Amino acid sequence: MTAALFVLWSATKRLGVVTRAPWRLLLLALIATDFGVIFSYRSGRYDGFGVLLMSVAAWLMSVQNKTVRVVSLFLFCLLIPWAGPQFMPVLFTAGLVLFILFRWRYAMEVCSAFVGSLIGGVIFLAVLSATGRLGRYLNFVGLQKRSTEFFSALLERGQFIHHNYIPKDWSVPFLFAGALVLYISLRRQKRAVWRSALSYGILFTILLTGLLLVVAKFPTYYSYMVVVPLAVSVCAGLSMCEAGKARTAALLLCVLSVLAGAGLDTVAYVHDRRDHDYSRIENLVDQSVRADDIAYVEDQVYVAARQRARDVYYPISVPGPYDGNIFPLMSQEQKDSITVLIVRPTSAADAKRILGGSWFETGQELVPTGNGIFGNRNLGLVTQTLDDLRVFRRSAIAAQSERDQFSRKPAVTR
């Protein structure tokens, strides 16, 4: 993420869209404190790499020599499909908005980017096919099925399924409102804003949001895809706007965006630090998992358990009938190899039944305090705390000695 912000600083300066250093500092602050960006960072996801890709693409557009610019974009976009299918709608929308705003002025750049990504995609799929992984990859992407399920539930059953379909980025509405305030103000001043970064960010946000909602794949950790151009749009508008009510209103909305992101996360953490302390999970794992264990754990426990156990399984989310359930994808040998469970009490019975065999509870547990400032409200990662966890061990011939061994260890991690 740090590299992405440095590249974006350079790109906006070279392109002349955010002309003053204070506004570029604000740009970096808006991105770094955005709710969705913090969500990705706290989740340990790789979405910072997506911000880097967008920043590099913007930097390449700042290259003065047209031939070098076009060739560089072609080579860069060859790699986009390899980075992930989620970047293809971003690339398509970026090219479309360039064409809408500038017509044929950047036609060569857009064509080279599209052709490069198309060739890169064909090579990528060919490699998957040659290695026998194409079917699994297409199943993993699963866009057609997700879109069908979303609209079927909405139209036929009146059920609005929003988890991982609609982003919960509380910062974005303030950024978008700030961009609109600046656009309207500059238009009233009869300033030329149509072919500007301000218009680009607004139009890009509308089109990409619509596209991702249609394919029903716009989770919170993808919100950076609109946050980056939208933040650039706001800061470009501030660079163009003279001091006055419009600039004050836009700056106030920027402050609200920061508060809705970093502010909300900070308040939640400070009020309930203990239930956000991952060292409690690490302590539980240290007390309950041995180096030769093969464990099945809740997703929160995976990182800590993977550093200690011989192997670890967890309920990874995969599109299709096995979403959130890895057991049907495991062989009987793999199920039999699991020696320890660290699971929620509500999941324990099903896990033990599916894995088979005899299990005993070791008495070790992690019990959250449950004192979150937002109570039982679900505000995404802000209200996500440590799980209520229990430890179970597979019984063996020496089951009693196992119990005796673990009874000598602390019973509760609090």
Protein backbone atom coordinates (compact mmCIF):
# COMPACT_ATOMS: atom_id res chain seq x y z
CA MET A 1 0.00 0.00 0.00
CA THR A 2 2.86 2.38 0.80
CA ALA A 3 4.35 1.87 -2.66
CA ALA A 4 0.92 2.45 -4.23
CA LEU A 5 0.54 5.78 -2.46
CA PHE A 6 4.01 6.93 -3.53
CA VAL A 7 3.28 6.01 -7.16
CA LEU A 8 -0.12 7.73 -7.03
CA TRP A 9 1.49 10.89 -5.64
CA SER A 10 3.91 10.92 -8.57
CA ALA A 11 1.21 10.10 -11.12
CA THR A 12 -1.18 12.88 -10.06
CA LYS A 13 1.69 15.37 -9.99
CA ARG A 14 2.97 14.37 -13.44
CA LEU A 15 -0.53 14.40 -14.94
CA GLY A 16 -1.21 17.80 -13.42
CA VAL A 17 -4.58 16.75 -12.01
CA VAL A 18 -3.74 17.52 -8.35
CA THR A 19 -1.39 20.47 -8.67
CA ARG A 20 -0.67 21.40 -5.05
CA ALA A 21 1.16 19.27 -2.49
CA PRO A 22 -1.39 19.86 0.34
CA TRP A 23 -4.16 18.42 -1.81
CA ARG A 24 -1.97 15.43 -2.73
CA LEU A 25 -1.37 14.83 0.98
CA LEU A 26 -5.12 14.94 1.47
CA LEU A 27 -5.49 12.45 -1.39
CA LEU A 28 -3.21 9.94 0.34
CA ALA A 29 -5.00 10.51 3.65
CA LEU A 30 -8.44 9.92 2.11
CA ILE A 31 -7.33 6.59 0.64
CA ALA A 32 -5.42 5.40 3.71
CA THR A 33 -8.30 6.20 6.09
CA ASP A 34 -11.11 4.87 3.89
CA PHE A 35 -13.28 2.28 5.61
CA GLY A 36 -12.96 -0.30 2.81
CA VAL A 37 -9.18 0.12 2.53
CA ILE A 38 -8.84 -0.38 6.30
CA PHE A 39 -11.14 -3.40 6.01
CA SER A 40 -8.80 -4.99 3.45
CA TYR A 41 -5.69 -4.15 5.50
CA ARG A 42 -7.11 -5.55 8.73
CA SER A 43 -8.28 -8.68 6.91
CA GLY A 44 -4.75 -9.35 5.64
CA ARG A 45 -5.98 -9.23 2.06
CA TYR A 46 -3.85 -8.36 -0.97
CA ASP A 47 -6.06 -5.48 -2.16
CA GLY A 48 -3.23 -3.02 -1.61
CA PHE A 49 -1.79 -4.63 -4.73
CA GLY A 50 -4.92 -3.56 -6.59
CA VAL A 51 -4.34 0.04 -5.50
CA LEU A 52 -0.77 -0.30 -6.78
CA LEU A 53 -1.98 -1.54 -10.17
CA MET A 54 -4.36 1.41 -10.51
CA SER A 55 -1.59 3.82 -9.50
CA VAL A 56 0.88 2.33 -11.99
CA ALA A 57 -1.71 2.57 -14.79
CA ALA A 58 -2.23 6.25 -13.97
CA TRP A 59 1.54 6.81 -13.90
CA LEU A 60 1.96 5.18 -17.32
CA MET A 61 -0.65 7.58 -18.69
CA SER A 62 1.64 10.41 -17.62
CA VAL A 63 4.48 9.29 -19.93
CA GLN A 64 5.03 12.08 -22.46
CA ASN A 65 6.16 10.02 -25.46
CA LYS A 66 3.03 8.55 -27.04
CA THR A 67 4.75 5.46 -28.48
CA VAL A 68 6.39 4.61 -25.17
CA ARG A 69 3.08 5.21 -23.39
CA VAL A 70 1.10 2.92 -25.69
CA VAL A 71 3.67 0.11 -25.63
CA SER A 72 4.05 0.35 -21.85
CA LEU A 73 0.30 0.11 -21.35
CA PHE A 74 0.14 -2.92 -23.64
CA LEU A 75 2.87 -4.76 -21.72
CA PHE A 76 1.39 -3.77 -18.37
CA CYS A 77 -2.11 -4.93 -19.30
CA LEU A 78 -0.78 -8.29 -20.48
CA LEU A 79 -0.36 -9.07 -16.78
CA ILE A 80 -3.74 -7.78 -15.57
CA PRO A 81 -5.62 -11.11 -16.04
CA TRP A 82 -2.86 -12.86 -14.09
CA ALA A 83 -3.33 -10.44 -11.19
CA GLY A 84 -6.99 -11.38 -10.87
CA PRO A 85 -10.29 -11.32 -12.80
CA GLN A 86 -11.60 -8.55 -10.53
CA PHE A 87 -9.31 -6.07 -12.29
CA MET A 88 -10.85 -6.62 -15.72
CA PRO A 89 -14.04 -4.60 -15.02
CA VAL A 90 -11.83 -1.80 -13.64
CA LEU A 91 -9.76 -1.74 -16.83
CA PHE A 92 -12.86 -1.85 -19.04
CA THR A 93 -14.52 1.00 -17.13
CA ALA A 94 -11.34 3.11 -17.17
CA GLY A 95 -11.11 2.81 -20.95
CA LEU A 96 -14.82 3.47 -21.43
CA VAL A 97 -14.74 6.65 -19.36
CA LEU A 98 -11.67 7.89 -21.24
CA PHE A 99 -13.55 7.41 -24.50
CA ILE A 100 -16.72 9.12 -23.21
CA LEU A 101 -14.82 12.17 -21.99
CA PHE A 102 -12.08 12.50 -24.60
CA ARG A 103 -13.42 10.55 -27.60
CA TRP A 104 -10.54 9.54 -29.86
CA ARG A 105 -7.80 11.47 -28.08
CA TYR A 106 -6.67 8.39 -26.13
CA ALA A 107 -7.96 5.76 -28.54
CA MET A 108 -4.52 4.20 -29.04
CA GLU A 109 -3.93 3.93 -25.29
CA VAL A 110 -7.34 2.36 -24.68
CA CYS A 111 -6.97 -0.09 -27.58
CA SER A 112 -3.48 -1.16 -26.53
CA ALA A 113 -4.68 -1.74 -22.96
CA PHE A 114 -7.72 -3.75 -24.08
CA VAL A 115 -5.74 -5.82 -26.61
CA GLY A 116 -2.98 -6.46 -24.08
CA SER A 117 -5.44 -7.65 -21.43
CA LEU A 118 -7.25 -9.82 -24.00
CA ILE A 119 -4.03 -11.53 -25.09
CA GLY A 120 -2.95 -11.88 -21.47
CA GLY A 121 -6.32 -13.43 -20.62
CA VAL A 122 -6.11 -15.94 -23.47
CA ILE A 123 -2.61 -16.99 -22.40
CA PHE A 124 -3.74 -17.26 -18.78
CA LEU A 125 -6.72 -19.49 -19.63
CA ALA A 126 -4.55 -21.59 -21.95
CA VAL A 127 -2.08 -22.21 -19.13
CA LEU A 128 -4.93 -23.18 -16.80
CA SER A 129 -6.34 -25.55 -19.42
CA ALA A 130 -2.95 -27.14 -20.08
CA THR A 131 -2.43 -27.73 -16.35
CA GLY A 132 -5.95 -29.13 -15.83
CA ARG A 133 -7.15 -26.29 -13.59
CA LEU A 134 -9.47 -24.41 -15.93
CA GLY A 135 -12.68 -26.04 -14.68
CA ARG A 136 -11.93 -25.26 -11.05
CA TYR A 137 -10.97 -21.68 -11.91
CA LEU A 138 -14.23 -21.05 -13.80
CA ASN A 139 -16.18 -22.52 -10.89
CA PHE A 140 -14.29 -20.29 -8.48
CA VAL A 141 -15.09 -17.14 -10.48
CA GLY A 142 -18.75 -18.17 -10.67
CA LEU A 143 -20.04 -14.76 -11.80
CA GLN A 144 -23.05 -16.06 -13.73
CA LYS A 145 -24.29 -18.10 -10.79
CA ARG A 146 -23.81 -15.29 -8.26
CA SER A 147 -25.70 -12.79 -10.39
CA THR A 148 -28.53 -15.26 -11.00
CA GLU A 149 -28.82 -16.10 -7.30
CA PHE A 150 -28.85 -12.44 -6.26
CA PHE A 151 -31.58 -11.32 -8.65
CA SER A 152 -33.58 -14.53 -8.22
CA ALA A 153 -33.70 -14.03 -4.46
CA LEU A 154 -34.59 -10.34 -4.87
CA LEU A 155 -37.28 -10.64 -7.53
CA GLU A 156 -38.84 -14.02 -6.77
CA ARG A 157 -38.62 -14.20 -2.97
CA GLY A 158 -38.20 -10.55 -2.06
CA GLN A 159 -35.00 -11.45 -0.23
CA PHE A 160 -32.21 -8.87 -0.34
CA ILE A 161 -28.89 -10.71 -0.01
CA HIS A 162 -26.24 -8.10 0.58
CA HIS A 163 -23.33 -10.03 2.15
CA ASN A 164 -20.39 -9.79 -0.30
CA TYR A 165 -22.78 -8.40 -2.94
CA ILE A 166 -23.10 -4.79 -1.73
CA PRO A 167 -20.16 -2.90 -0.17
CA LYS A 168 -20.45 -1.46 3.34
CA ASP A 169 -17.91 1.30 2.90
CA TRP A 170 -19.19 4.16 5.04
CA SER A 171 -16.58 6.57 3.65
CA VAL A 172 -17.65 6.40 -0.01
CA PRO A 173 -20.95 8.34 0.25
CA PHE A 174 -19.12 11.32 1.75
CA LEU A 175 -16.42 11.23 -0.93
CA PHE A 176 -19.01 10.99 -3.69
CA ALA A 177 -21.03 13.85 -2.19
CA GLY A 178 -17.86 15.95 -1.98
CA ALA A 179 -17.10 15.32 -5.64
CA LEU A 180 -20.64 16.30 -6.64
CA VAL A 181 -20.51 19.50 -4.57
CA LEU A 182 -17.27 20.54 -6.30
CA TYR A 183 -18.58 19.61 -9.76
CA ILE A 184 -21.81 21.61 -9.34
CA SER A 185 -19.93 24.61 -7.93
CA LEU A 186 -17.39 24.66 -10.76
CA ARG A 187 -20.12 24.25 -13.37
CA ARG A 188 -21.96 27.27 -11.92
CA GLN A 189 -18.72 29.21 -12.22
CA LYS A 190 -18.68 28.13 -15.89
CA ARG A 191 -15.37 26.36 -15.40
CA ALA A 192 -14.37 23.67 -17.92
CA VAL A 193 -14.79 20.55 -15.81
CA TRP A 194 -16.22 17.98 -18.25
CA ARG A 195 -12.84 16.76 -19.48
CA SER A 196 -11.22 16.78 -16.04
CA ALA A 197 -10.21 14.33 -13.34
CA LEU A 198 -13.22 15.54 -11.34
CA SER A 199 -15.68 14.36 -14.00
CA TYR A 200 -13.62 11.24 -14.62
CA GLY A 201 -13.88 10.10 -10.97
CA ILE A 202 -17.61 10.72 -10.74
CA LEU A 203 -18.43 8.95 -14.02
CA PHE A 204 -16.02 6.09 -13.25
CA THR A 205 -17.65 5.53 -9.85
CA ILE A 206 -21.16 5.43 -11.30
CA LEU A 207 -20.31 3.05 -14.16
CA LEU A 208 -18.08 0.64 -12.22
CA THR A 209 -20.51 0.48 -9.30
CA GLY A 210 -23.33 -0.34 -11.70
CA LEU A 211 -21.28 -3.00 -13.46
CA LEU A 212 -20.19 -4.72 -10.25
CA LEU A 213 -23.71 -4.67 -8.86
CA VAL A 214 -25.05 -6.26 -12.06
CA VAL A 215 -22.61 -9.17 -11.73
CA ALA A 216 -23.40 -9.23 -7.97
CA LYS A 217 -19.77 -9.09 -6.94
CA PHE A 218 -19.03 -5.89 -5.07
CA PRO A 219 -17.88 -6.77 -1.54
CA THR A 220 -16.48 -4.16 0.83
CA TYR A 221 -12.88 -5.18 0.13
CA TYR A 222 -13.35 -4.15 -3.52
CA SER A 223 -14.51 -0.63 -2.65
CA TYR A 224 -10.96 0.70 -3.20
CA MET A 225 -11.71 0.33 -6.92
CA VAL A 226 -13.96 3.39 -6.71
CA VAL A 227 -12.27 5.05 -3.73
CA VAL A 228 -8.97 5.70 -5.55
CA PRO A 229 -10.46 7.54 -8.59
CA LEU A 230 -13.06 9.22 -6.38
CA ALA A 231 -10.39 10.55 -3.98
CA VAL A 232 -8.37 11.80 -6.96
CA SER A 233 -11.55 13.42 -8.28
CA VAL A 234 -12.21 15.26 -5.02
CA CYS A 235 -8.63 16.49 -4.66
CA ALA A 236 -8.53 17.56 -8.31
CA GLY A 237 -11.74 19.51 -7.74
CA LEU A 238 -10.26 21.16 -4.64
CA SER A 239 -7.25 22.18 -6.74
CA MET A 240 -9.57 23.87 -9.23
CA CYS A 241 -11.98 25.39 -6.73
CA GLU A 242 -11.39 28.78 -5.13
CA ALA A 243 -11.89 29.35 -1.42
CA GLY A 244 -15.57 29.61 -0.56
CA LYS A 245 -18.62 27.70 0.62
CA ALA A 246 -18.19 24.89 -1.90
CA ARG A 247 -14.60 24.20 -0.90
CA THR A 248 -15.53 24.35 2.80
CA ALA A 249 -18.40 21.92 2.26
CA ALA A 250 -16.16 19.55 0.30
CA LEU A 251 -13.49 19.63 3.00
CA LEU A 252 -16.12 18.95 5.66
CA LEU A 253 -17.27 15.92 3.67
CA CYS A 254 -13.65 14.76 3.44
CA VAL A 255 -13.40 14.98 7.23
CA LEU A 256 -16.61 12.95 7.56
CA SER A 257 -15.14 10.36 5.18
CA VAL A 258 -12.08 10.02 7.41
CA LEU A 259 -14.25 9.77 10.53
CA ALA A 260 -16.44 7.12 8.88
CA GLY A 261 -13.33 5.09 8.13
CA ALA A 262 -10.41 5.49 10.52
CA GLY A 263 -12.57 7.25 13.11
CA LEU A 264 -15.16 4.48 13.32
CA ASP A 265 -12.49 1.77 13.53
CA THR A 266 -10.57 3.67 16.20
CA VAL A 267 -13.64 4.19 18.39
CA ALA A 268 -14.58 0.51 18.12
CA TYR A 269 -11.06 -0.62 18.98
CA VAL A 270 -10.48 1.77 21.89
CA HIS A 271 -13.82 0.89 23.49
CA ASP A 272 -13.27 -2.88 23.27
CA ARG A 273 -9.52 -3.47 22.91
CA ARG A 274 -9.62 -6.88 24.58
CA ASP A 275 -11.98 -8.42 22.03
CA HIS A 276 -9.77 -7.08 19.22
CA ASP A 277 -6.54 -8.50 20.68
CA TYR A 278 -5.30 -11.29 18.39
CA SER A 279 -2.68 -12.34 20.94
CA ARG A 280 -5.51 -14.04 22.84
CA ILE A 281 -5.97 -16.41 19.89
CA GLU A 282 -2.22 -16.93 19.67
CA ASN A 283 -2.14 -17.84 23.36
CA LEU A 284 -5.00 -20.29 22.94
CA VAL A 285 -3.22 -21.96 20.01
CA ASP A 286 0.09 -22.14 21.92
CA GLN A 287 -1.67 -23.95 24.76
CA SER A 288 -3.74 -26.35 22.69
CA VAL A 289 -1.90 -27.20 19.43
CA ARG A 290 1.24 -29.30 19.05
CA ALA A 291 3.74 -29.28 16.19
CA ASP A 292 2.57 -32.69 14.89
CA ASP A 293 -1.16 -31.77 14.95
CA ILE A 294 -3.39 -31.44 11.92
CA ALA A 295 -6.07 -28.95 12.89
CA TYR A 296 -9.46 -27.78 11.72
CA VAL A 297 -10.08 -24.23 12.94
CA GLU A 298 -12.32 -21.22 12.45
CA ASP A 299 -10.97 -18.73 9.94
CA GLN A 300 -9.87 -16.29 12.67
CA VAL A 301 -7.54 -18.93 14.08
CA TYR A 302 -5.91 -19.98 10.81
CA VAL A 303 -2.85 -17.69 10.84
CA ALA A 304 -1.89 -18.55 14.40
CA ALA A 305 -2.55 -22.28 13.95
CA ARG A 306 -0.69 -22.46 10.63
CA GLN A 307 2.48 -21.24 12.33
CA ARG A 308 2.34 -24.04 14.88
CA ALA A 309 0.52 -27.11 13.48
CA ARG A 310 1.74 -29.50 10.79
CA ASP A 311 -1.29 -28.68 8.64
CA VAL A 312 -4.50 -26.68 9.04
CA TYR A 313 -7.94 -26.71 7.43
CA TYR A 314 -10.53 -23.96 7.81
CA PRO A 315 -13.98 -23.16 6.33
CA ILE A 316 -12.73 -21.21 3.34
CA SER A 317 -15.45 -19.56 1.28
CA VAL A 318 -15.74 -21.02 -2.22
CA PRO A 319 -18.54 -20.20 -4.71
CA GLY A 320 -21.04 -22.96 -5.34
CA PRO A 321 -22.81 -25.57 -3.20
CA TYR A 322 -19.87 -25.79 -0.77
CA ASP A 323 -19.73 -22.10 0.12
CA GLY A 324 -18.20 -21.83 3.58
CA ASN A 325 -17.97 -25.62 3.95
CA ILE A 326 -14.70 -27.34 3.12
CA PHE A 327 -15.69 -30.80 4.37
CA PRO A 328 -17.28 -32.07 1.10
CA LEU A 329 -14.01 -31.21 -0.67
CA MET A 330 -11.91 -33.29 1.74
CA SER A 331 -11.10 -36.98 1.30
CA GLN A 332 -11.86 -39.43 4.10
CA GLU A 333 -8.13 -39.76 4.70
CA GLN A 334 -7.85 -36.01 5.20
CA LYS A 335 -10.80 -36.02 7.59
CA ASP A 336 -9.32 -38.88 9.59
CA SER A 337 -5.99 -37.07 9.84
CA ILE A 338 -7.42 -34.15 11.83
CA THR A 339 -6.42 -34.39 15.48
CA VAL A 340 -7.62 -31.12 17.01
CA LEU A 341 -10.54 -28.73 16.52
CA ILE A 342 -10.70 -25.06 17.52
CA VAL A 343 -14.27 -24.07 16.67
CA ARG A 344 -17.28 -22.12 17.85
CA PRO A 345 -19.62 -24.03 20.18
CA THR A 346 -22.34 -23.74 17.52
CA SER A 347 -20.08 -25.42 14.94
CA ALA A 348 -18.62 -28.15 17.15
CA ALA A 349 -21.39 -30.75 16.83
CA ASP A 350 -21.48 -30.65 13.02
CA ALA A 351 -17.68 -30.72 12.74
CA LYS A 352 -17.36 -33.75 15.03
CA ARG A 353 -20.21 -35.58 13.25
CA ILE A 354 -18.80 -35.01 9.76
CA LEU A 355 -15.22 -35.86 10.72
CA GLY A 356 -16.30 -38.97 12.60
CA GLY A 357 -14.55 -40.66 15.48
CA SER A 358 -14.63 -39.86 19.15
CA TRP A 359 -13.76 -36.40 20.47
CA PHE A 360 -13.36 -34.87 23.91
CA GLU A 361 -13.36 -31.23 24.98
CA THR A 362 -10.05 -30.20 26.53
CA GLY A 363 -11.57 -27.42 28.65
CA GLN A 364 -9.56 -24.73 26.91
CA GLU A 365 -11.61 -21.87 25.50
CA LEU A 366 -11.62 -18.24 24.45
CA VAL A 367 -14.57 -16.26 25.73
CA PRO A 368 -15.09 -12.72 24.33
CA THR A 369 -16.24 -10.02 26.73
CA GLY A 370 -18.94 -8.88 24.31
CA ASN A 371 -18.74 -5.23 25.34
CA GLY A 372 -18.71 -3.66 21.88
CA ILE A 373 -19.79 -0.03 21.70
CA PHE A 374 -22.26 -0.79 18.90
CA GLY A 375 -23.95 -3.64 20.78
CA ASN A 376 -25.37 -6.36 18.53
CA ARG A 377 -25.44 -4.18 15.41
CA ASN A 378 -23.57 -5.58 12.42
CA LEU A 379 -21.32 -2.88 10.96
CA GLY A 380 -18.98 -5.27 9.17
CA LEU A 381 -15.40 -5.48 10.35
CA VAL A 382 -15.95 -2.65 12.86
CA THR A 383 -18.15 -4.89 15.00
CA GLN A 384 -16.27 -8.10 14.26
CA THR A 385 -14.43 -9.31 17.35
CA LEU A 386 -12.84 -12.54 18.51
CA ASP A 387 -14.99 -15.65 18.22
CA ASP A 388 -16.22 -17.70 21.15
CA LEU A 389 -13.94 -20.72 20.70
CA ARG A 390 -13.66 -24.22 22.17
CA VAL A 391 -10.91 -26.83 21.78
CA PHE A 392 -11.63 -30.50 21.03
CA ARG A 393 -9.20 -33.38 20.59
CA ARG A 394 -9.67 -36.68 18.82
CA SER A 395 -9.75 -39.52 21.30
CA ALA A 396 -7.11 -42.25 20.96
CA ILE A 397 -5.98 -45.27 22.99
CA ALA A 398 -4.30 -42.89 25.40
CA ALA A 399 -7.32 -40.58 25.66
CA GLN A 400 -7.10 -40.39 29.43
CA SER A 401 -3.44 -39.37 29.32
CA GLU A 402 -4.37 -36.72 26.75
CA ARG A 403 -6.96 -35.33 29.16
CA ASP A 404 -4.48 -35.38 32.01
CA GLN A 405 -1.87 -33.60 29.89
CA PHE A 406 -4.20 -30.79 28.87
CA SER A 407 -5.82 -30.48 32.31
CA ARG A 408 -2.48 -29.28 33.63
CA LYS A 409 -2.60 -26.29 31.27
CA PRO A 410 -4.62 -23.09 31.91
CA ALA A 411 -8.28 -23.83 31.36
CA VAL A 412 -9.46 -20.51 29.98
CA THR A 413 -7.85 -17.80 27.85
CA ARG A 414 -9.44 -14.54 28.94
